[in-house]
N, C-alpha and C. Protein backbone atom coordinates (compact mmCIF):
# COMPACT_ATOMS: atom_id res chain seq x y z
N MET A 1 59.73 136.50 185.26
CA MET A 1 60.92 137.32 185.38
C MET A 1 60.66 138.57 186.20
N LYS A 2 59.49 138.64 186.79
CA LYS A 2 59.16 139.80 187.61
C LYS A 2 59.63 139.62 189.04
N ASP A 3 60.20 138.46 189.37
CA ASP A 3 60.75 138.23 190.71
C ASP A 3 62.08 138.95 190.84
N HIS A 4 62.55 139.04 192.07
CA HIS A 4 63.85 139.63 192.35
C HIS A 4 64.91 138.54 192.16
N TRP A 5 65.34 138.30 190.93
CA TRP A 5 66.22 137.17 190.64
C TRP A 5 67.64 137.58 190.30
N ILE A 6 67.90 138.87 190.11
CA ILE A 6 69.25 139.34 189.84
C ILE A 6 69.72 140.12 191.07
N PRO A 7 70.77 139.64 191.75
CA PRO A 7 71.24 140.35 192.95
C PRO A 7 71.60 141.80 192.63
N GLY A 8 71.12 142.69 193.47
CA GLY A 8 71.43 144.10 193.29
C GLY A 8 70.63 144.81 192.23
N ARG A 9 69.66 144.15 191.64
CA ARG A 9 68.86 144.76 190.58
C ARG A 9 67.38 144.43 190.80
N PRO A 10 66.62 145.37 191.40
CA PRO A 10 65.19 145.12 191.59
C PRO A 10 64.49 144.94 190.24
N PRO A 11 63.44 144.13 190.19
CA PRO A 11 62.75 143.84 188.93
C PRO A 11 62.26 145.09 188.20
N HIS A 12 61.82 146.12 188.94
CA HIS A 12 61.30 147.31 188.26
C HIS A 12 62.41 148.12 187.60
N MET A 13 63.67 147.84 187.93
CA MET A 13 64.78 148.55 187.31
C MET A 13 65.44 147.73 186.20
N LEU A 14 64.90 146.57 185.93
CA LEU A 14 65.46 145.69 184.92
C LEU A 14 65.12 146.20 183.53
N GLN A 15 66.15 146.49 182.76
CA GLN A 15 65.94 146.95 181.39
C GLN A 15 66.35 145.85 180.44
N THR A 16 65.58 145.69 179.36
CA THR A 16 65.88 144.68 178.37
C THR A 16 66.07 145.34 177.02
N LEU A 17 66.77 144.65 176.12
CA LEU A 17 66.97 145.17 174.77
C LEU A 17 65.70 145.01 173.94
N PHE A 18 64.95 143.95 174.21
CA PHE A 18 63.69 143.67 173.54
C PHE A 18 62.66 143.28 174.60
N PRO A 19 61.39 143.51 174.31
CA PRO A 19 60.36 143.09 175.28
C PRO A 19 60.41 141.58 175.51
N ILE A 20 60.30 141.20 176.76
CA ILE A 20 60.25 139.78 177.12
C ILE A 20 58.81 139.42 177.39
N PRO A 21 58.32 138.32 176.82
CA PRO A 21 56.92 137.94 177.04
C PRO A 21 56.58 137.79 178.52
N GLU A 22 55.35 138.14 178.88
CA GLU A 22 54.88 138.07 180.27
C GLU A 22 55.06 136.67 180.87
N TYR A 23 54.86 135.65 180.08
CA TYR A 23 54.89 134.28 180.57
C TYR A 23 56.32 133.71 180.67
N ALA A 24 57.33 134.44 180.22
CA ALA A 24 58.71 133.94 180.22
C ALA A 24 59.20 133.74 181.66
N LYS A 25 60.01 132.72 181.84
CA LYS A 25 60.59 132.42 183.14
C LYS A 25 62.11 132.48 183.04
N VAL A 26 62.75 132.64 184.17
CA VAL A 26 64.21 132.72 184.20
C VAL A 26 64.84 131.47 183.61
N CYS A 27 64.19 130.32 183.80
CA CYS A 27 64.77 129.07 183.29
C CYS A 27 64.93 129.09 181.77
N SER A 28 64.23 129.98 181.07
CA SER A 28 64.40 130.07 179.61
C SER A 28 65.76 130.66 179.24
N LEU A 29 66.47 131.20 180.22
CA LEU A 29 67.82 131.73 179.98
C LEU A 29 68.91 130.71 180.36
N MET A 30 68.48 129.50 180.73
CA MET A 30 69.42 128.45 181.13
C MET A 30 69.47 127.36 180.06
N ASP A 31 70.56 126.58 180.10
CA ASP A 31 70.75 125.56 179.07
C ASP A 31 70.21 124.18 179.44
N GLY A 32 69.66 124.02 180.60
CA GLY A 32 69.12 122.72 181.02
C GLY A 32 70.15 121.85 181.73
N HIS A 33 71.40 122.30 181.78
CA HIS A 33 72.46 121.54 182.45
C HIS A 33 73.01 122.30 183.65
N GLY A 34 72.25 123.26 184.14
CA GLY A 34 72.67 124.01 185.31
C GLY A 34 73.60 125.17 185.00
N HIS A 35 73.56 125.66 183.76
CA HIS A 35 74.39 126.79 183.36
C HIS A 35 73.55 127.83 182.62
N TRP A 36 74.03 129.05 182.63
CA TRP A 36 73.35 130.10 181.87
C TRP A 36 73.60 129.88 180.38
N ASN A 37 72.59 130.10 179.56
CA ASN A 37 72.75 130.10 178.11
C ASN A 37 73.16 131.52 177.74
N GLU A 38 74.45 131.73 177.62
CA GLU A 38 75.01 133.07 177.45
C GLU A 38 74.44 133.75 176.20
N GLU A 39 74.20 133.01 175.17
CA GLU A 39 73.66 133.58 173.93
C GLU A 39 72.26 134.17 174.16
N ASN A 40 71.42 133.44 174.88
CA ASN A 40 70.08 133.95 175.20
C ASN A 40 70.14 135.17 176.11
N VAL A 41 71.01 135.12 177.11
CA VAL A 41 71.14 136.24 178.04
C VAL A 41 71.57 137.49 177.29
N ARG A 42 72.59 137.36 176.42
CA ARG A 42 73.10 138.51 175.67
C ARG A 42 72.07 139.04 174.66
N ALA A 43 71.18 138.17 174.21
CA ALA A 43 70.18 138.58 173.22
C ALA A 43 69.13 139.52 173.83
N PHE A 44 68.89 139.42 175.14
CA PHE A 44 67.81 140.19 175.75
C PHE A 44 68.26 141.32 176.67
N PHE A 45 69.51 141.28 177.16
CA PHE A 45 69.90 142.23 178.18
C PHE A 45 71.11 143.06 177.78
N PRO A 46 71.19 144.32 178.29
CA PRO A 46 72.39 145.13 178.07
C PRO A 46 73.59 144.54 178.79
N GLU A 47 74.78 144.93 178.38
CA GLU A 47 76.02 144.31 178.85
C GLU A 47 76.18 144.33 180.37
N GLU A 48 75.84 145.44 181.03
CA GLU A 48 76.03 145.48 182.49
C GLU A 48 75.10 144.49 183.20
N THR A 49 73.90 144.30 182.67
CA THR A 49 72.97 143.32 183.25
C THR A 49 73.43 141.90 182.93
N VAL A 50 73.98 141.71 181.73
CA VAL A 50 74.51 140.39 181.35
C VAL A 50 75.56 139.95 182.37
N GLY A 51 76.45 140.88 182.74
CA GLY A 51 77.48 140.55 183.72
C GLY A 51 76.90 140.11 185.05
N LEU A 52 75.87 140.83 185.52
CA LEU A 52 75.22 140.46 186.79
C LEU A 52 74.57 139.08 186.70
N ILE A 53 73.92 138.81 185.56
CA ILE A 53 73.23 137.52 185.41
C ILE A 53 74.24 136.38 185.37
N LEU A 54 75.29 136.55 184.56
CA LEU A 54 76.26 135.46 184.40
C LEU A 54 77.05 135.20 185.69
N GLN A 55 77.14 136.20 186.57
CA GLN A 55 77.83 136.01 187.84
C GLN A 55 76.93 135.33 188.88
N THR A 56 75.62 135.30 188.61
CA THR A 56 74.68 134.71 189.56
C THR A 56 74.79 133.19 189.50
N GLN A 57 75.03 132.59 190.65
CA GLN A 57 75.18 131.14 190.74
C GLN A 57 73.82 130.45 190.58
N ILE A 58 73.81 129.39 189.82
CA ILE A 58 72.60 128.57 189.68
C ILE A 58 72.77 127.39 190.63
N SER A 59 71.73 127.10 191.37
CA SER A 59 71.79 126.03 192.35
C SER A 59 72.14 124.70 191.69
N SER A 60 73.10 124.00 192.27
CA SER A 60 73.47 122.68 191.75
C SER A 60 72.56 121.59 192.30
N HIS A 61 71.72 121.96 193.29
CA HIS A 61 70.81 120.99 193.90
C HIS A 61 69.55 120.79 193.08
N GLY A 62 69.29 121.72 192.18
CA GLY A 62 68.05 121.64 191.41
C GLY A 62 66.86 121.90 192.30
N GLY A 63 65.77 121.25 192.01
CA GLY A 63 64.59 121.41 192.83
C GLY A 63 63.66 122.47 192.29
N GLU A 64 62.52 122.54 192.90
CA GLU A 64 61.49 123.48 192.48
C GLU A 64 61.78 124.87 193.02
N ASP A 65 61.33 125.86 192.27
CA ASP A 65 61.39 127.23 192.76
C ASP A 65 60.43 127.38 193.94
N PHE A 66 60.65 128.36 194.75
CA PHE A 66 59.75 128.63 195.86
C PHE A 66 59.67 130.13 196.07
N VAL A 67 58.62 130.55 196.71
CA VAL A 67 58.43 131.97 197.00
C VAL A 67 59.36 132.35 198.12
N TYR A 68 60.09 133.46 197.94
CA TYR A 68 61.05 133.92 198.92
C TYR A 68 60.78 135.39 199.19
N TRP A 69 60.54 135.75 200.44
CA TRP A 69 60.29 137.14 200.83
C TRP A 69 61.65 137.73 201.20
N PRO A 70 62.16 138.68 200.42
CA PRO A 70 63.53 139.16 200.63
C PRO A 70 63.72 140.08 201.83
N HIS A 71 62.67 140.35 202.58
CA HIS A 71 62.76 141.30 203.68
C HIS A 71 62.84 140.65 205.04
N THR A 72 63.04 139.32 205.07
CA THR A 72 63.28 138.62 206.34
C THR A 72 64.48 137.71 206.15
N ARG A 73 65.05 137.32 207.24
CA ARG A 73 66.29 136.53 207.21
C ARG A 73 66.13 135.19 206.49
N PHE A 74 65.01 134.51 206.72
CA PHE A 74 64.82 133.18 206.14
C PHE A 74 63.86 133.17 204.95
N GLY A 75 63.46 134.36 204.49
CA GLY A 75 62.62 134.43 203.31
C GLY A 75 61.15 134.16 203.55
N LEU A 76 60.73 134.16 204.81
CA LEU A 76 59.33 133.92 205.13
C LEU A 76 58.62 135.25 205.36
N TYR A 77 57.46 135.39 204.77
CA TYR A 77 56.68 136.62 204.94
C TYR A 77 56.11 136.68 206.34
N THR A 78 56.21 137.86 206.96
CA THR A 78 55.53 138.11 208.23
C THR A 78 54.86 139.48 208.13
N VAL A 79 53.80 139.65 208.86
CA VAL A 79 53.12 140.95 208.89
C VAL A 79 54.09 142.00 209.42
N ARG A 80 54.89 141.63 210.39
CA ARG A 80 55.85 142.57 210.97
C ARG A 80 56.84 143.06 209.91
N SER A 81 57.36 142.16 209.07
CA SER A 81 58.32 142.57 208.05
C SER A 81 57.66 143.48 207.01
N ALA A 82 56.41 143.21 206.67
CA ALA A 82 55.69 144.08 205.73
C ALA A 82 55.45 145.45 206.34
N TYR A 83 55.11 145.46 207.62
CA TYR A 83 54.88 146.72 208.32
C TYR A 83 56.17 147.54 208.36
N ASN A 84 57.27 146.89 208.71
CA ASN A 84 58.56 147.59 208.75
C ASN A 84 58.96 148.11 207.38
N LEU A 85 58.70 147.32 206.35
CA LEU A 85 58.99 147.75 204.98
C LEU A 85 58.15 148.97 204.62
N ALA A 86 56.88 148.94 204.97
CA ALA A 86 55.99 150.07 204.67
C ALA A 86 56.43 151.31 205.43
N ARG A 87 56.81 151.15 206.69
CA ARG A 87 57.27 152.29 207.49
C ARG A 87 58.53 152.90 206.88
N SER A 88 59.48 152.07 206.48
CA SER A 88 60.72 152.61 205.91
C SER A 88 60.44 153.28 204.58
N SER A 89 59.51 152.73 203.79
CA SER A 89 59.14 153.36 202.51
C SER A 89 58.46 154.69 202.76
N ASP A 90 57.55 154.74 203.74
CA ASP A 90 56.87 155.99 204.06
C ASP A 90 57.86 157.05 204.52
N LEU A 91 58.82 156.65 205.34
CA LEU A 91 59.82 157.59 205.83
C LEU A 91 60.63 158.14 204.67
N PHE A 92 61.07 157.26 203.78
CA PHE A 92 61.86 157.69 202.62
C PHE A 92 61.05 158.65 201.75
N LEU A 93 59.80 158.29 201.47
CA LEU A 93 58.96 159.14 200.62
C LEU A 93 58.70 160.50 201.26
N SER A 94 58.44 160.52 202.56
CA SER A 94 58.15 161.80 203.20
C SER A 94 59.35 162.73 203.15
N HIS A 95 60.54 162.20 203.30
CA HIS A 95 61.73 163.05 203.25
C HIS A 95 62.09 163.41 201.82
N SER A 96 61.83 162.53 200.88
CA SER A 96 62.11 162.85 199.48
C SER A 96 61.19 163.95 198.99
N LYS A 97 59.94 163.95 199.41
CA LYS A 97 58.99 164.98 199.00
C LYS A 97 59.40 166.35 199.52
N ASN A 98 60.05 166.36 200.69
CA ASN A 98 60.48 167.62 201.28
C ASN A 98 61.82 168.08 200.71
N GLY A 99 62.37 167.34 199.75
CA GLY A 99 63.61 167.71 199.13
C GLY A 99 64.84 167.42 199.97
N ARG A 100 64.67 166.69 201.07
CA ARG A 100 65.81 166.42 201.93
C ARG A 100 66.45 165.08 201.63
N GLY A 101 65.66 164.12 201.15
CA GLY A 101 66.19 162.80 200.86
C GLY A 101 66.70 162.11 202.11
N LEU A 102 67.17 160.90 201.94
CA LEU A 102 67.77 160.15 203.04
C LEU A 102 69.12 159.62 202.60
N SER A 103 69.95 159.31 203.55
CA SER A 103 71.24 158.75 203.22
C SER A 103 71.05 157.37 202.63
N SER A 104 71.86 157.06 201.64
CA SER A 104 71.78 155.72 201.05
C SER A 104 72.59 154.72 201.86
N SER A 105 73.22 155.19 202.90
CA SER A 105 74.07 154.33 203.71
C SER A 105 73.32 153.80 204.92
N LYS A 106 73.32 152.50 205.09
CA LYS A 106 72.70 151.88 206.26
C LYS A 106 73.48 152.25 207.52
N GLU A 107 74.76 152.56 207.37
CA GLU A 107 75.59 152.89 208.52
C GLU A 107 75.06 154.14 209.23
N VAL A 108 74.60 155.11 208.46
CA VAL A 108 74.07 156.34 209.05
C VAL A 108 72.82 156.02 209.85
N GLU A 109 71.94 155.20 209.28
CA GLU A 109 70.71 154.82 209.98
C GLU A 109 71.04 154.05 211.26
N GLU A 110 71.99 153.13 211.17
CA GLU A 110 72.38 152.37 212.35
C GLU A 110 72.97 153.29 213.42
N LYS A 111 73.72 154.30 212.98
CA LYS A 111 74.31 155.25 213.93
C LYS A 111 73.21 155.97 214.71
N TYR A 112 72.14 156.39 214.02
CA TYR A 112 71.03 157.06 214.69
C TYR A 112 70.38 156.14 215.72
N TRP A 113 70.10 154.89 215.30
CA TRP A 113 69.45 153.97 216.23
C TRP A 113 70.33 153.66 217.43
N LYS A 114 71.62 153.47 217.21
CA LYS A 114 72.52 153.21 218.34
C LYS A 114 72.56 154.40 219.29
N ALA A 115 72.55 155.61 218.73
CA ALA A 115 72.55 156.81 219.56
C ALA A 115 71.27 156.89 220.39
N ILE A 116 70.15 156.55 219.77
CA ILE A 116 68.87 156.58 220.49
C ILE A 116 68.87 155.56 221.63
N TRP A 117 69.32 154.33 221.36
CA TRP A 117 69.32 153.30 222.38
C TRP A 117 70.32 153.61 223.49
N ALA A 118 71.34 154.39 223.21
CA ALA A 118 72.35 154.72 224.21
C ALA A 118 71.90 155.81 225.17
N ILE A 119 70.81 156.50 224.86
CA ILE A 119 70.32 157.58 225.72
C ILE A 119 69.94 157.02 227.08
N LYS A 120 70.41 157.67 228.12
CA LYS A 120 70.05 157.27 229.48
C LYS A 120 68.86 158.14 229.91
N ALA A 121 67.68 157.55 229.84
CA ALA A 121 66.46 158.30 230.17
C ALA A 121 65.45 157.33 230.76
N PRO A 122 64.60 157.82 231.68
CA PRO A 122 63.56 156.95 232.24
C PRO A 122 62.50 156.66 231.18
N ASN A 123 61.94 155.48 231.22
CA ASN A 123 60.88 155.05 230.30
C ASN A 123 61.30 155.10 228.84
N LYS A 124 62.59 154.95 228.59
CA LYS A 124 63.11 155.01 227.22
C LYS A 124 62.43 153.96 226.33
N ASN A 125 62.22 152.76 226.85
CA ASN A 125 61.64 151.70 226.04
C ASN A 125 60.22 152.03 225.60
N ILE A 126 59.45 152.67 226.46
CA ILE A 126 58.08 153.04 226.10
C ILE A 126 58.11 154.09 224.99
N VAL A 127 58.98 155.07 225.12
CA VAL A 127 59.07 156.12 224.10
C VAL A 127 59.53 155.51 222.78
N LEU A 128 60.52 154.63 222.82
CA LEU A 128 61.01 154.00 221.59
C LEU A 128 59.93 153.13 220.95
N TRP A 129 59.16 152.41 221.77
CA TRP A 129 58.07 151.60 221.22
C TRP A 129 57.06 152.50 220.53
N ARG A 130 56.70 153.61 221.19
CA ARG A 130 55.73 154.54 220.60
C ARG A 130 56.31 155.19 219.34
N PHE A 131 57.61 155.46 219.33
CA PHE A 131 58.27 155.99 218.14
C PHE A 131 58.16 155.00 216.98
N ALA A 132 58.51 153.75 217.25
CA ALA A 132 58.48 152.73 216.21
C ALA A 132 57.07 152.47 215.69
N HIS A 133 56.06 152.70 216.51
CA HIS A 133 54.67 152.45 216.11
C HIS A 133 53.93 153.73 215.73
N ASN A 134 54.66 154.80 215.55
CA ASN A 134 54.11 156.07 215.06
C ASN A 134 52.95 156.57 215.93
N CYS A 135 53.12 156.49 217.23
CA CYS A 135 52.04 156.97 218.09
C CYS A 135 52.53 157.96 219.15
N LEU A 136 53.52 158.75 218.81
CA LEU A 136 53.90 159.89 219.64
C LEU A 136 53.15 161.11 219.09
N PRO A 137 52.75 162.04 219.94
CA PRO A 137 51.91 163.15 219.48
C PRO A 137 52.69 164.27 218.78
N SER A 138 53.14 164.01 217.55
CA SER A 138 53.79 165.05 216.75
C SER A 138 52.70 165.87 216.05
N GLY A 139 53.10 166.98 215.47
CA GLY A 139 52.13 167.83 214.76
C GLY A 139 51.39 167.09 213.67
N LEU A 140 52.12 166.32 212.85
CA LEU A 140 51.48 165.57 211.76
C LEU A 140 50.58 164.46 212.30
N GLN A 141 51.04 163.80 213.38
CA GLN A 141 50.24 162.73 213.97
C GLN A 141 48.93 163.28 214.56
N LEU A 142 49.01 164.42 215.23
CA LEU A 142 47.80 165.03 215.79
C LEU A 142 46.84 165.46 214.67
N ARG A 143 47.37 166.03 213.61
CA ARG A 143 46.53 166.44 212.48
C ARG A 143 45.87 165.21 211.85
N HIS A 144 46.65 164.10 211.75
CA HIS A 144 46.10 162.86 211.20
C HIS A 144 44.95 162.34 212.05
N GLN A 145 44.98 162.61 213.35
CA GLN A 145 43.92 162.19 214.26
C GLN A 145 42.80 163.24 214.34
N ASN A 146 42.81 164.21 213.42
CA ASN A 146 41.80 165.27 213.33
C ASN A 146 41.77 166.17 214.56
N ILE A 147 42.93 166.36 215.16
CA ILE A 147 43.05 167.30 216.27
C ILE A 147 43.60 168.60 215.69
N PRO A 148 42.86 169.70 215.81
CA PRO A 148 43.32 170.93 215.18
C PRO A 148 44.61 171.44 215.83
N THR A 149 45.65 171.49 215.02
CA THR A 149 46.96 171.95 215.50
C THR A 149 47.80 172.36 214.30
N ASN A 150 48.84 173.07 214.56
CA ASN A 150 49.78 173.45 213.52
C ASN A 150 50.77 172.29 213.35
N PRO A 151 50.87 171.68 212.17
CA PRO A 151 51.76 170.53 211.99
C PRO A 151 53.23 170.92 211.82
N ALA A 152 53.57 172.20 211.90
CA ALA A 152 54.95 172.64 211.69
C ALA A 152 55.76 172.55 212.98
N CYS A 153 57.02 172.23 212.84
CA CYS A 153 57.97 172.19 213.96
C CYS A 153 58.16 173.61 214.48
N VAL A 154 58.10 173.80 215.79
CA VAL A 154 58.24 175.13 216.38
C VAL A 154 59.67 175.65 216.27
N HIS A 155 60.63 174.77 216.01
CA HIS A 155 62.02 175.18 215.94
C HIS A 155 62.49 175.53 214.54
N CYS A 156 61.99 174.79 213.53
CA CYS A 156 62.51 175.03 212.18
C CYS A 156 61.41 175.24 211.13
N GLY A 157 60.16 174.99 211.47
CA GLY A 157 59.05 175.24 210.55
C GLY A 157 58.73 174.11 209.58
N ARG A 158 59.53 173.06 209.57
CA ARG A 158 59.23 171.92 208.68
C ARG A 158 58.12 171.08 209.28
N ASP A 159 57.53 170.19 208.46
CA ASP A 159 56.49 169.30 208.97
C ASP A 159 57.04 168.51 210.16
N GLU A 160 56.27 168.49 211.25
CA GLU A 160 56.72 167.85 212.48
C GLU A 160 56.24 166.40 212.52
N SER A 161 57.02 165.52 211.87
CA SER A 161 56.76 164.09 211.99
C SER A 161 57.53 163.59 213.20
N ILE A 162 57.26 162.38 213.61
CA ILE A 162 57.97 161.81 214.75
C ILE A 162 59.46 161.68 214.43
N GLU A 163 59.75 161.22 213.21
CA GLU A 163 61.15 161.07 212.80
C GLU A 163 61.85 162.43 212.81
N HIS A 164 61.14 163.45 212.35
CA HIS A 164 61.72 164.79 212.34
C HIS A 164 62.07 165.24 213.76
N CYS A 165 61.12 165.07 214.68
CA CYS A 165 61.33 165.52 216.07
C CYS A 165 62.53 164.86 216.72
N LEU A 166 62.69 163.56 216.50
CA LEU A 166 63.72 162.82 217.22
C LEU A 166 65.03 162.67 216.46
N LEU A 167 64.98 162.77 215.13
CA LEU A 167 66.19 162.47 214.36
C LEU A 167 66.69 163.59 213.47
N PHE A 168 65.78 164.27 212.77
CA PHE A 168 66.20 165.14 211.68
C PHE A 168 66.18 166.63 211.98
N CYS A 169 65.48 167.06 212.99
CA CYS A 169 65.44 168.48 213.33
C CYS A 169 66.79 168.91 213.88
N GLN A 170 67.31 170.03 213.41
CA GLN A 170 68.61 170.50 213.87
C GLN A 170 68.59 170.76 215.38
N PHE A 171 67.47 171.26 215.89
CA PHE A 171 67.36 171.50 217.33
C PHE A 171 67.52 170.21 218.11
N ALA A 172 66.86 169.12 217.61
CA ALA A 172 66.97 167.82 218.29
C ALA A 172 68.41 167.32 218.24
N SER A 173 69.09 167.52 217.11
CA SER A 173 70.48 167.11 217.00
C SER A 173 71.37 167.86 217.98
N ASP A 174 71.10 169.16 218.12
CA ASP A 174 71.89 169.97 219.05
C ASP A 174 71.68 169.54 220.50
N VAL A 175 70.45 169.17 220.83
CA VAL A 175 70.15 168.73 222.20
C VAL A 175 70.84 167.42 222.47
């Protein structure tokens, strides 16, 4: 039950009314005929989670379970998808630590990326590649490479990460 099996509810946020044994599987909440055993579901989960579980469709095709990586379109693990996941997690954590947080809306993130790609500038692709691979010489990046420098942004004084320089600094937004 530690898999991501309830849509919209990551496993680490799953709360139960009673502890569920480590060896328990999702199929223990089913009746064997392709339906949820509502009595079992209600016995272990709070009402809002019960609703999510009972709304989840059970495959009518049957078959064996398989490992599914939720961060790619077809569920296959790739090093690239893990790297992108780690980068997005690092970005979120760095901004949360600074008390700024990030928007919970994907639309805002897409707006930033579209704005960046729309910029008419020479060698834009090289800069964007270096941005995506965290190899532009920002204050934090230089410090990480043991180059003595002040990691603060010269315009606002916050830590100068690559994301800060290109997306979050008010000066960059004004430009």
